[in-house]
């Protein structure tokens, strides 16, 4: 498993061995949101551009958008979140992932924060 990359908006991205990128939100983000009650995921096959809002997350405290920091095509969604949005709270870096993307250019991940830089940004 490769290292996670992070955005300033508290998303994490992981480049998988097959070249796809798995996207979710960080533990810090889910903790700030509180109990997640609903997740709206993008359609498989949707082309997205860096900066697009691609998913919506609602919690008991707030609602927010998930923006994608790189362009590509949505190739898979975590359909378990439809019935179990609480997976985002219980396992945000594992079973609580949102979607997988086939990136147009995976090197765009190089410009994102590593774990140390992300931890410093939320201190």
PDB file of N, CA and C in Angstrom:
ATOM      1  N   UNK A   1       0.864  -1.183   0.000  1.00  0.00           N
ATOM      2  CA  UNK A   1       0.000   0.000   0.000  1.00  0.00           C
ATOM      3  C   UNK A   1       0.906   1.241   0.000  1.00  0.00           C
ATOM      4  N   UNK A   2       0.625   2.137  -0.889  1.00  0.00           N
ATOM      5  CA  UNK A   2       1.470   3.326  -0.966  1.00  0.00           C
ATOM      6  C   UNK A   2       1.032   4.355   0.078  1.00  0.00           C
ATOM      7  N   UNK A   3       1.883   5.346   0.257  1.00  0.00           N
ATOM      8  CA  UNK A   3       1.592   6.355   1.274  1.00  0.00           C
ATOM      9  C   UNK A   3       0.393   7.208   0.861  1.00  0.00           C
ATOM     10  N   UNK A   4      -0.270   7.705   1.869  1.00  0.00           N
ATOM     11  CA  UNK A   4      -1.401   8.593   1.629  1.00  0.00           C
ATOM     12  C   UNK A   4      -0.898   9.993   1.320  1.00  0.00           C
ATOM     13  N   UNK A   5      -1.662  10.690   0.491  1.00  0.00           N
ATOM     14  CA  UNK A   5      -1.444  12.111   0.217  1.00  0.00           C
ATOM     15  C   UNK A   5      -2.677  12.841   0.744  1.00  0.00           C
ATOM     16  N   UNK A   6      -2.518  14.103   1.105  1.00  0.00           N
ATOM     17  CA  UNK A   6      -3.593  14.855   1.755  1.00  0.00           C
ATOM     18  C   UNK A   6      -3.814  16.210   1.092  1.00  0.00           C
ATOM     19  N   UNK A   7      -5.068  16.677   1.178  1.00  0.00           N
ATOM     20  CA  UNK A   7      -5.394  18.007   0.673  1.00  0.00           C
ATOM     21  C   UNK A   7      -5.653  18.936   1.855  1.00  0.00           C
ATOM     22  N   UNK A   8      -5.656  20.231   1.593  1.00  0.00           N
ATOM     23  CA  UNK A   8      -5.978  21.216   2.626  1.00  0.00           C
ATOM     24  C   UNK A   8      -7.440  21.107   3.055  1.00  0.00           C
ATOM     25  N   UNK A   9      -8.269  20.469   2.212  1.00  0.00           N
ATOM     26  CA  UNK A   9      -9.691  20.284   2.533  1.00  0.00           C
ATOM     27  C   UNK A   9      -9.940  18.985   3.286  1.00  0.00           C
ATOM     28  N   UNK A  10      -8.884  18.320   3.750  1.00  0.00           N
ATOM     29  CA  UNK A  10      -8.963  17.131   4.604  1.00  0.00           C
ATOM     30  C   UNK A  10      -9.419  15.871   3.872  1.00  0.00           C
ATOM     31  N   UNK A  11      -9.098  15.772   2.577  1.00  0.00           N
ATOM     32  CA  UNK A  11      -9.290  14.512   1.890  1.00  0.00           C
ATOM     33  C   UNK A  11      -7.953  13.777   1.860  1.00  0.00           C
ATOM     34  N   UNK A  12      -8.022  12.459   1.803  1.00  0.00           N
ATOM     35  CA  UNK A  12      -6.812  11.665   1.595  1.00  0.00           C
ATOM     36  C   UNK A  12      -6.934  10.948   0.259  1.00  0.00           C
ATOM     37  N   UNK A  13      -5.787  10.703  -0.360  1.00  0.00           N
ATOM     38  CA  UNK A  13      -5.736  10.009  -1.641  1.00  0.00           C
ATOM     39  C   UNK A  13      -4.614   8.979  -1.578  1.00  0.00           C
ATOM     40  N   UNK A  14      -4.899   7.797  -2.128  1.00  0.00           N
ATOM     41  CA  UNK A  14      -3.896   6.729  -2.141  1.00  0.00           C
ATOM     42  C   UNK A  14      -3.807   6.157  -3.548  1.00  0.00           C
ATOM     43  N   UNK A  15      -2.615   6.173  -4.112  1.00  0.00           N
ATOM     44  CA  UNK A  15      -2.382   5.579  -5.420  1.00  0.00           C
ATOM     45  C   UNK A  15      -2.271   4.070  -5.238  1.00  0.00           C
ATOM     46  N   UNK A  16      -3.162   3.329  -5.902  1.00  0.00           N
ATOM     47  CA  UNK A  16      -3.183   1.867  -5.782  1.00  0.00           C
ATOM     48  C   UNK A  16      -2.244   1.250  -6.820  1.00  0.00           C
ATOM     49  N   UNK A  17      -1.939  -0.031  -6.654  1.00  0.00           N
ATOM     50  CA  UNK A  17      -1.037  -0.728  -7.571  1.00  0.00           C
ATOM     51  C   UNK A  17      -1.551  -0.734  -9.006  1.00  0.00           C
ATOM     52  N   UNK A  18      -2.882  -0.705  -9.174  1.00  0.00           N
ATOM     53  CA  UNK A  18      -3.462  -0.747 -10.528  1.00  0.00           C
ATOM     54  C   UNK A  18      -3.511   0.640 -11.183  1.00  0.00           C
ATOM     55  N   UNK A  19      -2.952   1.663 -10.500  1.00  0.00           N
ATOM     56  CA  UNK A  19      -2.927   3.007 -11.056  1.00  0.00           C
ATOM     57  C   UNK A  19      -4.133   3.853 -10.702  1.00  0.00           C
ATOM     58  N   UNK A  20      -5.111   3.253 -10.061  1.00  0.00           N
ATOM     59  CA  UNK A  20      -6.287   4.019  -9.623  1.00  0.00           C
ATOM     60  C   UNK A  20      -5.960   4.741  -8.323  1.00  0.00           C
ATOM     61  N   UNK A  21      -6.765   5.760  -8.009  1.00  0.00           N
ATOM     62  CA  UNK A  21      -6.569   6.536  -6.791  1.00  0.00           C
ATOM     63  C   UNK A  21      -7.830   6.409  -5.937  1.00  0.00           C
ATOM     64  N   UNK A  22      -7.670   5.937  -4.705  1.00  0.00           N
ATOM     65  CA  UNK A  22      -8.774   5.834  -3.756  1.00  0.00           C
ATOM     66  C   UNK A  22      -8.828   7.139  -2.971  1.00  0.00           C
ATOM     67  N   UNK A  23     -10.063   7.651  -2.747  1.00  0.00           N
ATOM     68  CA  UNK A  23     -10.266   8.941  -2.089  1.00  0.00           C
ATOM     69  C   UNK A  23     -11.205   8.783  -0.896  1.00  0.00           C
ATOM     70  N   UNK A  24     -10.868   9.440   0.203  1.00  0.00           N
ATOM     71  CA  UNK A  24     -11.724   9.474   1.379  1.00  0.00           C
ATOM     72  C   UNK A  24     -11.459  10.763   2.145  1.00  0.00           C
ATOM     73  N   UNK A  25     -12.008  10.844   3.353  1.00  0.00           N
ATOM     74  CA  UNK A  25     -11.715  11.999   4.202  1.00  0.00           C
ATOM     75  C   UNK A  25     -10.899  11.535   5.395  1.00  0.00           C
ATOM     76  N   UNK A  26     -10.162  12.462   5.962  1.00  0.00           N
ATOM     77  CA  UNK A  26      -9.248  12.133   7.054  1.00  0.00           C
ATOM     78  C   UNK A  26      -9.989  11.916   8.371  1.00  0.00           C
ATOM     79  N   UNK A  27      -9.268  11.324   9.305  1.00  0.00           N
ATOM     80  CA  UNK A  27      -9.806  11.136  10.648  1.00  0.00           C
ATOM     81  C   UNK A  27     -10.151  12.484  11.272  1.00  0.00           C
ATOM     82  N   UNK A  28      -9.298  13.483  11.035  1.00  0.00           N
ATOM     83  CA  UNK A  28      -9.558  14.836  11.539  1.00  0.00           C
ATOM     84  C   UNK A  28     -10.889  15.369  10.994  1.00  0.00           C
ATOM     85  N   UNK A  29     -11.126  15.153   9.698  1.00  0.00           N
ATOM     86  CA  UNK A  29     -12.359  15.648   9.077  1.00  0.00           C
ATOM     87  C   UNK A  29     -13.587  14.954   9.642  1.00  0.00           C
ATOM     88  N   UNK A  30     -13.541  13.633   9.756  1.00  0.00           N
ATOM     89  CA  UNK A  30     -14.722  12.928  10.257  1.00  0.00           C
ATOM     90  C   UNK A  30     -14.978  13.281  11.709  1.00  0.00           C
ATOM     91  N   UNK A  31     -13.908  13.502  12.482  1.00  0.00           N
ATOM     92  CA  UNK A  31     -14.061  13.888  13.880  1.00  0.00           C
ATOM     93  C   UNK A  31     -14.692  15.277  13.988  1.00  0.00           C
ATOM     94  N   UNK A  32     -14.288  16.182  13.105  1.00  0.00           N
ATOM     95  CA  UNK A  32     -14.853  17.534  13.090  1.00  0.00           C
ATOM     96  C   UNK A  32     -16.321  17.536  12.679  1.00  0.00           C
ATOM     97  N   UNK A  33     -16.666  16.658  11.755  1.00  0.00           N
ATOM     98  CA  UNK A  33     -18.048  16.585  11.272  1.00  0.00           C
ATOM     99  C   UNK A  33     -18.997  15.971  12.288  1.00  0.00           C
ATOM    100  N   UNK A  34     -18.511  15.050  13.096  1.00  0.00           N
ATOM    101  CA  UNK A  34     -19.388  14.312  13.985  1.00  0.00           C
ATOM    102  C   UNK A  34     -20.001  13.138  13.234  1.00  0.00           C
ATOM    103  N   UNK A  35     -21.102  12.614  13.745  1.00  0.00           N
ATOM    104  CA  UNK A  35     -21.697  11.407  13.167  1.00  0.00           C
ATOM    105  C   UNK A  35     -22.178  11.651  11.742  1.00  0.00           C
ATOM    106  N   UNK A  36     -21.596  10.919  10.802  1.00  0.00           N
ATOM    107  CA  UNK A  36     -21.985  11.020   9.400  1.00  0.00           C
ATOM    108  C   UNK A  36     -23.300  10.264   9.208  1.00  0.00           C
ATOM    109  N   UNK A  37     -24.282  10.934   8.590  1.00  0.00           N
ATOM    110  CA  UNK A  37     -25.597  10.333   8.403  1.00  0.00           C
ATOM    111  C   UNK A  37     -25.948  10.076   6.940  1.00  0.00           C
ATOM    112  N   UNK A  38     -25.194  10.683   6.011  1.00  0.00           N
ATOM    113  CA  UNK A  38     -25.508  10.512   4.595  1.00  0.00           C
ATOM    114  C   UNK A  38     -24.292  10.866   3.752  1.00  0.00           C
ATOM    115  N   UNK A  39     -24.079  10.064   2.713  1.00  0.00           N
ATOM    116  CA  UNK A  39     -23.014  10.357   1.755  1.00  0.00           C
ATOM    117  C   UNK A  39     -23.599  10.219   0.354  1.00  0.00           C
ATOM    118  N   UNK A  40     -23.451  11.269  -0.446  1.00  0.00           N
ATOM    119  CA  UNK A  40     -23.867  11.227  -1.848  1.00  0.00           C
ATOM    120  C   UNK A  40     -22.615  11.072  -2.695  1.00  0.00           C
ATOM    121  N   UNK A  41     -22.538   9.959  -3.416  1.00  0.00           N
ATOM    122  CA  UNK A  41     -21.342   9.641  -4.188  1.00  0.00           C
ATOM    123  C   UNK A  41     -21.541   9.951  -5.666  1.00  0.00           C
ATOM    124  N   UNK A  42     -20.449  10.160  -6.396  1.00  0.00           N
ATOM    125  CA  UNK A  42     -20.564  10.454  -7.827  1.00  0.00           C
ATOM    126  C   UNK A  42     -20.946   9.203  -8.618  1.00  0.00           C
ATOM    127  N   UNK A  43     -21.353   9.408  -9.857  1.00  0.00           N
ATOM    128  CA  UNK A  43     -21.684   8.288 -10.728  1.00  0.00           C
ATOM    129  C   UNK A  43     -20.416   7.681 -11.304  1.00  0.00           C
ATOM    130  N   UNK A  44     -20.391   6.347 -11.376  1.00  0.00           N
ATOM    131  CA  UNK A  44     -19.282   5.661 -12.030  1.00  0.00           C
ATOM    132  C   UNK A  44     -19.292   6.058 -13.502  1.00  0.00           C
ATOM    133  N   UNK A  45     -18.120   6.342 -14.032  1.00  0.00           N
ATOM    134  CA  UNK A  45     -17.997   6.762 -15.419  1.00  0.00           C
ATOM    135  C   UNK A  45     -17.944   8.269 -15.592  1.00  0.00           C
ATOM    136  N   UNK A  46     -18.222   9.006 -14.523  1.00  0.00           N
ATOM    137  CA  UNK A  46     -18.199  10.468 -14.598  1.00  0.00           C
ATOM    138  C   UNK A  46     -16.772  10.978 -14.743  1.00  0.00           C
ATOM    139  N   UNK A  47     -16.561  11.857 -15.701  1.00  0.00           N
ATOM    140  CA  UNK A  47     -15.264  12.529 -15.832  1.00  0.00           C
ATOM    141  C   UNK A  47     -15.262  13.745 -14.920  1.00  0.00           C
ATOM    142  N   UNK A  48     -14.181  13.917 -14.182  1.00  0.00           N
ATOM    143  CA  UNK A  48     -14.070  15.042 -13.253  1.00  0.00           C
ATOM    144  C   UNK A  48     -12.787  15.808 -13.531  1.00  0.00           C
ATOM    145  N   UNK A  49     -12.830  17.074 -13.218  1.00  0.00           N
ATOM    146  CA  UNK A  49     -11.664  17.937 -13.361  1.00  0.00           C
ATOM    147  C   UNK A  49     -11.202  18.350 -11.967  1.00  0.00           C
ATOM    148  N   UNK A  50      -9.920  18.602 -11.824  1.00  0.00           N
ATOM    149  CA  UNK A  50      -9.373  19.043 -10.540  1.00  0.00           C
ATOM    150  C   UNK A  50     -10.175  20.237 -10.035  1.00  0.00           C
ATOM    151  N   UNK A  51     -10.610  20.172  -8.770  1.00  0.00           N
ATOM    152  CA  UNK A  51     -11.390  21.248  -8.171  1.00  0.00           C
ATOM    153  C   UNK A  51     -12.888  21.004  -8.196  1.00  0.00           C
ATOM    154  N   UNK A  52     -13.351  20.022  -8.984  1.00  0.00           N
ATOM    155  CA  UNK A  52     -14.782  19.715  -9.045  1.00  0.00           C
ATOM    156  C   UNK A  52     -15.276  19.176  -7.709  1.00  0.00           C
ATOM    157  N   UNK A  53     -16.523  19.525  -7.368  1.00  0.00           N
ATOM    158  CA  UNK A  53     -17.181  18.914  -6.225  1.00  0.00           C
ATOM    159  C   UNK A  53     -17.754  17.591  -6.721  1.00  0.00           C
ATOM    160  N   UNK A  54     -17.336  16.491  -6.102  1.00  0.00           N
ATOM    161  CA  UNK A  54     -17.725  15.184  -6.623  1.00  0.00           C
ATOM    162  C   UNK A  54     -18.563  14.345  -5.666  1.00  0.00           C
ATOM    163  N   UNK A  55     -18.635  14.748  -4.417  1.00  0.00           N
ATOM    164  CA  UNK A  55     -19.431  14.008  -3.446  1.00  0.00           C
ATOM    165  C   UNK A  55     -19.917  14.977  -2.371  1.00  0.00           C
ATOM    166  N   UNK A  56     -20.969  14.562  -1.667  1.00  0.00           N
ATOM    167  CA  UNK A  56     -21.520  15.360  -0.578  1.00  0.00           C
ATOM    168  C   UNK A  56     -21.564  14.477   0.664  1.00  0.00           C
ATOM    169  N   UNK A  57     -21.172  15.061   1.777  1.00  0.00           N
ATOM    170  CA  UNK A  57     -21.218  14.342   3.041  1.00  0.00           C
ATOM    171  C   UNK A  57     -22.043  15.168   4.026  1.00  0.00           C
ATOM    172  N   UNK A  58     -22.973  14.495   4.704  1.00  0.00           N
ATOM    173  CA  UNK A  58     -23.805  15.172   5.694  1.00  0.00           C
ATOM    174  C   UNK A  58     -23.636  14.490   7.035  1.00  0.00           C
ATOM    175  N   UNK A  59     -23.536  15.326   8.072  1.00  0.00           N
ATOM    176  CA  UNK A  59     -23.417  14.802   9.429  1.00  0.00           C
ATOM    177  C   UNK A  59     -24.437  15.499  10.311  1.00  0.00           C
ATOM    178  N   UNK A  60     -24.446  15.110  11.575  1.00  0.00           N
ATOM    179  CA  UNK A  60     -25.360  15.746  12.512  1.00  0.00           C
ATOM    180  C   UNK A  60     -24.997  17.216  12.719  1.00  0.00           C
ATOM    181  N   UNK A  61     -23.747  17.595  12.442  1.00  0.00           N
ATOM    182  CA  UNK A  61     -23.298  18.966  12.647  1.00  0.00           C
ATOM    183  C   UNK A  61     -23.330  19.825  11.387  1.00  0.00           C
ATOM    184  N   UNK A  62     -23.032  19.221  10.223  1.00  0.00           N
ATOM    185  CA  UNK A  62     -22.816  20.037   9.022  1.00  0.00           C
ATOM    186  C   UNK A  62     -22.925  19.195   7.762  1.00  0.00           C
ATOM    187  N   UNK A  63     -22.927  19.876   6.647  1.00  0.00           N
ATOM    188  CA  UNK A  63     -22.839  19.222   5.338  1.00  0.00           C
ATOM    189  C   UNK A  63     -21.649  19.822   4.618  1.00  0.00           C
ATOM    190  N   UNK A  64     -21.010  19.021   3.803  1.00  0.00           N
ATOM    191  CA  UNK A  64     -19.852  19.529   3.078  1.00  0.00           C
ATOM    192  C   UNK A  64     -19.667  18.801   1.768  1.00  0.00           C
ATOM    193  N   UNK A  65     -18.856  19.393   0.921  1.00  0.00           N
ATOM    194  CA  UNK A  65     -18.556  18.813  -0.380  1.00  0.00           C
ATOM    195  C   UNK A  65     -17.161  18.216  -0.375  1.00  0.00           C
ATOM    196  N   UNK A  66     -17.013  17.156  -1.137  1.00  0.00           N
ATOM    197  CA  UNK A  66     -15.706  16.561  -1.361  1.00  0.00           C
ATOM    198  C   UNK A  66     -15.247  17.029  -2.737  1.00  0.00           C
ATOM    199  N   UNK A  67     -14.119  17.745  -2.760  1.00  0.00           N
ATOM    200  CA  UNK A  67     -13.559  18.222  -4.024  1.00  0.00           C
ATOM    201  C   UNK A  67     -12.392  17.330  -4.420  1.00  0.00           C
ATOM    202  N   UNK A  68     -12.247  17.120  -5.695  1.00  0.00           N
ATOM    203  CA  UNK A  68     -11.183  16.259  -6.182  1.00  0.00           C
ATOM    204  C   UNK A  68      -9.988  17.117  -6.615  1.00  0.00           C
ATOM    205  N   UNK A  69      -8.784  16.806  -6.143  1.00  0.00           N
ATOM    206  CA  UNK A  69      -7.626  17.616  -6.502  1.00  0.00           C
ATOM    207  C   UNK A  69      -6.938  17.210  -7.809  1.00  0.00           C
ATOM    208  N   UNK A  70      -7.458  16.194  -8.485  1.00  0.00           N
ATOM    209  CA  UNK A  70      -6.892  15.813  -9.764  1.00  0.00           C
ATOM    210  C   UNK A  70      -7.984  15.367 -10.728  1.00  0.00           C
ATOM    211  N   UNK A  71      -7.712  15.490 -11.997  1.00  0.00           N
ATOM    212  CA  UNK A  71      -8.690  15.145 -13.025  1.00  0.00           C
ATOM    213  C   UNK A  71      -8.625  13.647 -13.333  1.00  0.00           C
ATOM    214  N   UNK A  72      -9.767  13.109 -13.793  1.00  0.00           N
ATOM    215  CA  UNK A  72      -9.816  11.704 -14.155  1.00  0.00           C
ATOM    216  C   UNK A  72     -11.245  11.232 -14.322  1.00  0.00           C
ATOM    217  N   UNK A  73     -11.433   9.922 -14.214  1.00  0.00           N
ATOM    218  CA  UNK A  73     -12.747   9.310 -14.381  1.00  0.00           C
ATOM    219  C   UNK A  73     -13.061   8.459 -13.159  1.00  0.00           C
ATOM    220  N   UNK A  74     -14.261   8.623 -12.615  1.00  0.00           N
ATOM    221  CA  UNK A  74     -14.707   7.813 -11.480  1.00  0.00           C
ATOM    222  C   UNK A  74     -14.898   6.381 -11.979  1.00  0.00           C
ATOM    223  N   UNK A  75     -14.210   5.416 -11.351  1.00  0.00           N
ATOM    224  CA  UNK A  75     -14.288   4.033 -11.809  1.00  0.00           C
ATOM    225  C   UNK A  75     -14.970   3.107 -10.802  1.00  0.00           C
ATOM    226  N   UNK A  76     -15.115   3.573  -9.566  1.00  0.00           N
ATOM    227  CA  UNK A  76     -15.746   2.746  -8.544  1.00  0.00           C
ATOM    228  C   UNK A  76     -16.212   3.646  -7.412  1.00  0.00           C
ATOM    229  N   UNK A  77     -17.336   3.264  -6.801  1.00  0.00           N
ATOM    230  CA  UNK A  77     -17.794   3.965  -5.603  1.00  0.00           C
ATOM    231  C   UNK A  77     -17.943   2.950  -4.474  1.00  0.00           C
ATOM    232  N   UNK A  78     -17.898   3.436  -3.261  1.00  0.00           N
ATOM    233  CA  UNK A  78     -18.073   2.580  -2.086  1.00  0.00           C
ATOM    234  C   UNK A  78     -19.569   2.514  -1.778  1.00  0.00           C
ATOM    235  N   UNK A  79     -20.256   1.588  -2.430  1.00  0.00           N
ATOM    236  CA  UNK A  79     -21.711   1.488  -2.287  1.00  0.00           C
ATOM    237  C   UNK A  79     -22.141   1.123  -0.868  1.00  0.00           C
ATOM    238  N   UNK A  80     -21.234   0.595  -0.050  1.00  0.00           N
ATOM    239  CA  UNK A  80     -21.568   0.271   1.347  1.00  0.00           C
ATOM    240  C   UNK A  80     -21.975   1.512   2.121  1.00  0.00           C
ATOM    241  N   UNK A  81     -21.493   2.698   1.693  1.00  0.00           N
ATOM    242  CA  UNK A  81     -21.806   3.936   2.416  1.00  0.00           C
ATOM    243  C   UNK A  81     -23.276   4.321   2.312  1.00  0.00           C
ATOM    244  N   UNK A  82     -23.992   3.814   1.294  1.00  0.00           N
ATOM    245  CA  UNK A  82     -25.414   4.123   1.153  1.00  0.00           C
ATOM    246  C   UNK A  82     -26.192   3.618   2.362  1.00  0.00           C
ATOM    247  N   UNK A  83     -25.864   2.411   2.828  1.00  0.00           N
ATOM    248  CA  UNK A  83     -26.558   1.820   3.971  1.00  0.00           C
ATOM    249  C   UNK A  83     -25.806   2.012   5.283  1.00  0.00           C
ATOM    250  N   UNK A  84     -24.499   2.291   5.191  1.00  0.00           N
ATOM    251  CA  UNK A  84     -23.682   2.414   6.394  1.00  0.00           C
ATOM    252  C   UNK A  84     -22.778   3.647   6.325  1.00  0.00           C
ATOM    253  N   UNK A  85     -23.368   4.855   6.302  1.00  0.00           N
ATOM    254  CA  UNK A  85     -22.516   6.051   6.247  1.00  0.00           C
ATOM    255  C   UNK A  85     -21.606   6.177   7.461  1.00  0.00           C
ATOM    256  N   UNK A  86     -21.952   5.485   8.548  1.00  0.00           N
ATOM    257  CA  UNK A  86     -21.139   5.550   9.759  1.00  0.00           C
ATOM    258  C   UNK A  86     -19.749   4.925   9.571  1.00  0.00           C
ATOM    259  N   UNK A  87     -19.542   4.183   8.468  1.00  0.00           N
ATOM    260  CA  UNK A  87     -18.205   3.656   8.169  1.00  0.00           C
ATOM    261  C   UNK A  87     -17.191   4.788   8.031  1.00  0.00           C
ATOM    262  N   UNK A  88     -17.661   5.960   7.599  1.00  0.00           N
ATOM    263  CA  UNK A  88     -16.772   7.120   7.473  1.00  0.00           C
ATOM    264  C   UNK A  88     -16.215   7.489   8.850  1.00  0.00           C
ATOM    265  N   UNK A  89     -17.038   7.341   9.899  1.00  0.00           N
ATOM    266  CA  UNK A  89     -16.591   7.651  11.259  1.00  0.00           C
ATOM    267  C   UNK A  89     -15.742   6.525  11.844  1.00  0.00           C
ATOM    268  N   UNK A  90     -16.177   5.290  11.652  1.00  0.00           N
ATOM    269  CA  UNK A  90     -15.499   4.174  12.311  1.00  0.00           C
ATOM    270  C   UNK A  90     -14.190   3.781  11.636  1.00  0.00           C
ATOM    271  N   UNK A  91     -14.061   4.002  10.329  1.00  0.00           N
ATOM    272  CA  UNK A  91     -12.860   3.587   9.613  1.00  0.00           C
ATOM    273  C   UNK A  91     -12.598   4.515   8.422  1.00  0.00           C
ATOM    274  N   UNK A  92     -12.316   5.815   8.691  1.00  0.00           N
ATOM    275  CA  UNK A  92     -12.196   6.786   7.602  1.00  0.00           C
ATOM    276  C   UNK A  92     -11.068   6.490   6.621  1.00  0.00           C
ATOM    277  N   UNK A  93     -10.007   5.826   7.073  1.00  0.00           N
ATOM    278  CA  UNK A  93      -8.877   5.539   6.190  1.00  0.00           C
ATOM    279  C   UNK A  93      -8.945   4.133   5.598  1.00  0.00           C
ATOM    280  N   UNK A  94     -10.014   3.410   5.907  1.00  0.00           N
ATOM    281  CA  UNK A  94     -10.168   2.037   5.419  1.00  0.00           C
ATOM    282  C   UNK A  94     -11.509   1.849   4.739  1.00  0.00           C
ATOM    283  N   UNK A  95     -12.430   1.168   5.433  1.00  0.00           N
ATOM    284  CA  UNK A  95     -13.745   0.850   4.850  1.00  0.00           C
ATOM    285  C   UNK A  95     -14.596   2.081   4.560  1.00  0.00           C
ATOM    286  N   UNK A  96     -14.208   3.243   5.091  1.00  0.00           N
ATOM    287  CA  UNK A  96     -14.986   4.471   4.880  1.00  0.00           C
ATOM    288  C   UNK A  96     -14.562   5.273   3.662  1.00  0.00           C
ATOM    289  N   UNK A  97     -13.810   4.660   2.740  1.00  0.00           N
ATOM    290  CA  UNK A  97     -13.404   5.377   1.520  1.00  0.00           C
ATOM    291  C   UNK A  97     -14.644   5.741   0.702  1.00  0.00           C
ATOM    292  N   UNK A  98     -14.504   6.751  -0.186  1.00  0.00           N
ATOM    293  CA  UNK A  98     -15.636   7.255  -0.954  1.00  0.00           C
ATOM    294  C   UNK A  98     -15.694   6.712  -2.379  1.00  0.00           C
ATOM    295  N   UNK A  99     -14.619   6.906  -3.131  1.00  0.00           N
ATOM    296  CA  UNK A  99     -14.624   6.472  -4.530  1.00  0.00           C
ATOM    297  C   UNK A  99     -13.208   6.238  -5.017  1.00  0.00           C
ATOM    298  N   UNK A 100     -13.133   5.588  -6.185  1.00  0.00           N
ATOM    299  CA  UNK A 100     -11.840   5.380  -6.846  1.00  0.00           C
ATOM    300  C   UNK A 100     -11.886   6.067  -8.199  1.00  0.00           C
ATOM    301  N   UNK A 101     -10.743   6.634  -8.551  1.00  0.00           N
ATOM    302  CA  UNK A 101     -10.609   7.455  -9.744  1.00  0.00           C
ATOM    303  C   UNK A 101      -9.469   6.912 -10.600  1.00  0.00           C
ATOM    304  N   UNK A 102      -9.688   6.865 -11.911  1.00  0.00           N
ATOM    305  CA  UNK A 102      -8.586   6.613 -12.839  1.00  0.00           C
ATOM    306  C   UNK A 102      -8.052   7.987 -13.220  1.00  0.00           C
ATOM    307  N   UNK A 103      -6.897   8.371 -12.678  1.00  0.00           N
ATOM    308  CA  UNK A 103      -6.417   9.738 -12.914  1.00  0.00           C
ATOM    309  C   UNK A 103      -5.920   9.932 -14.345  1.00  0.00           C
ATOM    310  N   UNK A 104      -6.115  11.150 -14.843  1.00  0.00           N
ATOM    311  CA  UNK A 104      -5.539  11.508 -16.136  1.00  0.00           C
ATOM    312  C   UNK A 104      -4.018  11.599 -16.007  1.00  0.00           C
ATOM    313  N   UNK A 105      -3.550  12.050 -14.843  1.00  0.00           N
ATOM    314  CA  UNK A 105      -2.119  12.212 -14.617  1.00  0.00           C
ATOM    315  C   UNK A 105      -1.831  11.974 -13.133  1.00  0.00           C
ATOM    316  N   UNK A 106      -1.370  10.790 -12.793  1.00  0.00           N
ATOM    317  CA  UNK A 106      -1.127  10.433 -11.391  1.00  0.00           C
ATOM    318  C   UNK A 106      -0.011  11.268 -10.763  1.00  0.00           C
ATOM    319  N   UNK A 107       0.842  11.888 -11.566  1.00  0.00           N
ATOM    320  CA  UNK A 107       1.912  12.697 -10.983  1.00  0.00           C
ATOM    321  C   UNK A 107       1.362  13.934 -10.276  1.00  0.00           C
ATOM    322  N   UNK A 108       0.083  14.265 -10.515  1.00  0.00           N
ATOM    323  CA  UNK A 108      -0.547  15.384  -9.811  1.00  0.00           C
ATOM    324  C   UNK A 108      -0.569  15.134  -8.302  1.00  0.00           C
ATOM    325  N   UNK A 109      -0.502  13.873  -7.900  1.00  0.00           N
ATOM    326  CA  UNK A 109      -0.465  13.545  -6.474  1.00  0.00           C
ATOM    327  C   UNK A 109       0.798  14.081  -5.812  1.00  0.00           C
ATOM    328  N   UNK A 110       1.864  14.236  -6.586  1.00  0.00           N
ATOM    329  CA  UNK A 110       3.143  14.686  -6.033  1.00  0.00           C
ATOM    330  C   UNK A 110       3.047  16.067  -5.390  1.00  0.00           C
ATOM    331  N   UNK A 111       2.084  16.876  -5.829  1.00  0.00           N
ATOM    332  CA  UNK A 111       1.940  18.222  -5.291  1.00  0.00           C
ATOM    333  C   UNK A 111       1.134  18.300  -4.006  1.00  0.00           C
ATOM    334  N   UNK A 112       0.623  17.157  -3.543  1.00  0.00           N
ATOM    335  CA  UNK A 112      -0.184  17.150  -2.319  1.00  0.00           C
ATOM    336  C   UNK A 112       0.695  16.908  -1.096  1.00  0.00           C
ATOM    337  N   UNK A 113       0.125  17.152   0.083  1.00  0.00           N
ATOM    338  CA  UNK A 113       0.877  17.003   1.327  1.00  0.00           C
ATOM    339  C   UNK A 113       1.091  15.534   1.678  1.00  0.00           C
ATOM    340  N   UNK A 114       2.244  15.249   2.291  1.00  0.00           N
ATOM    341  CA  UNK A 114       2.452  13.931   2.878  1.00  0.00           C
ATOM    342  C   UNK A 114       1.862  13.957   4.298  1.00  0.00           C
ATOM    343  N   UNK A 115       1.965  12.832   4.986  1.00  0.00           N
ATOM    344  CA  UNK A 115       1.340  12.744   6.309  1.00  0.00           C
ATOM    345  C   UNK A 115       1.911  13.752   7.301  1.00  0.00           C
ATOM    346  N   UNK A 116       3.235  13.922   7.317  1.00  0.00           N
ATOM    347  CA  UNK A 116       3.844  14.868   8.260  1.00  0.00           C
ATOM    348  C   UNK A 116       3.365  16.293   8.015  1.00  0.00           C
ATOM    349  N   UNK A 117       3.337  16.692   6.742  1.00  0.00           N
ATOM    350  CA  UNK A 117       2.887  18.048   6.414  1.00  0.00           C
ATOM    351  C   UNK A 117       1.417  18.230   6.781  1.00  0.00           C
ATOM    352  N   UNK A 118       0.597  17.198   6.552  1.00  0.00           N
ATOM    353  CA  UNK A 118      -0.820  17.302   6.891  1.00  0.00           C
ATOM    354  C   UNK A 118      -0.998  17.441   8.410  1.00  0.00           C
ATOM    355  N   UNK A 119      -0.305  16.612   9.162  1.00  0.00           N
ATOM    356  CA  UNK A 119      -0.418  16.683  10.625  1.00  0.00           C
ATOM    357  C   UNK A 119      -0.055  18.079  11.137  1.00  0.00           C
ATOM    358  N   UNK A 120       0.986  18.671  10.575  1.00  0.00           N
ATOM    359  CA  UNK A 120       1.368  20.035  10.972  1.00  0.00           C
ATOM    360  C   UNK A 120       0.284  21.034  10.618  1.00  0.00           C
ATOM    361  N   UNK A 121      -0.403  20.818   9.500  1.00  0.00           N
ATOM    362  CA  UNK A 121      -1.425  21.770   9.054  1.00  0.00           C
ATOM    363  C   UNK A 121      -2.673  21.766   9.938  1.00  0.00           C
ATOM    364  N   UNK A 122      -2.905  20.666  10.664  1.00  0.00           N
ATOM    365  CA  UNK A 122      -4.110  20.586  11.499  1.00  0.00           C
ATOM    366  C   UNK A 122      -3.809  20.760  12.980  1.00  0.00           C
ATOM    367  N   UNK A 123      -2.552  20.985  13.332  1.00  0.00           N
ATOM    368  CA  UNK A 123      -2.202  21.181  14.739  1.00  0.00           C
ATOM    369  C   UNK A 123      -2.714  22.507  15.275  1.00  0.00           C
TER     370      UNK A 123
END
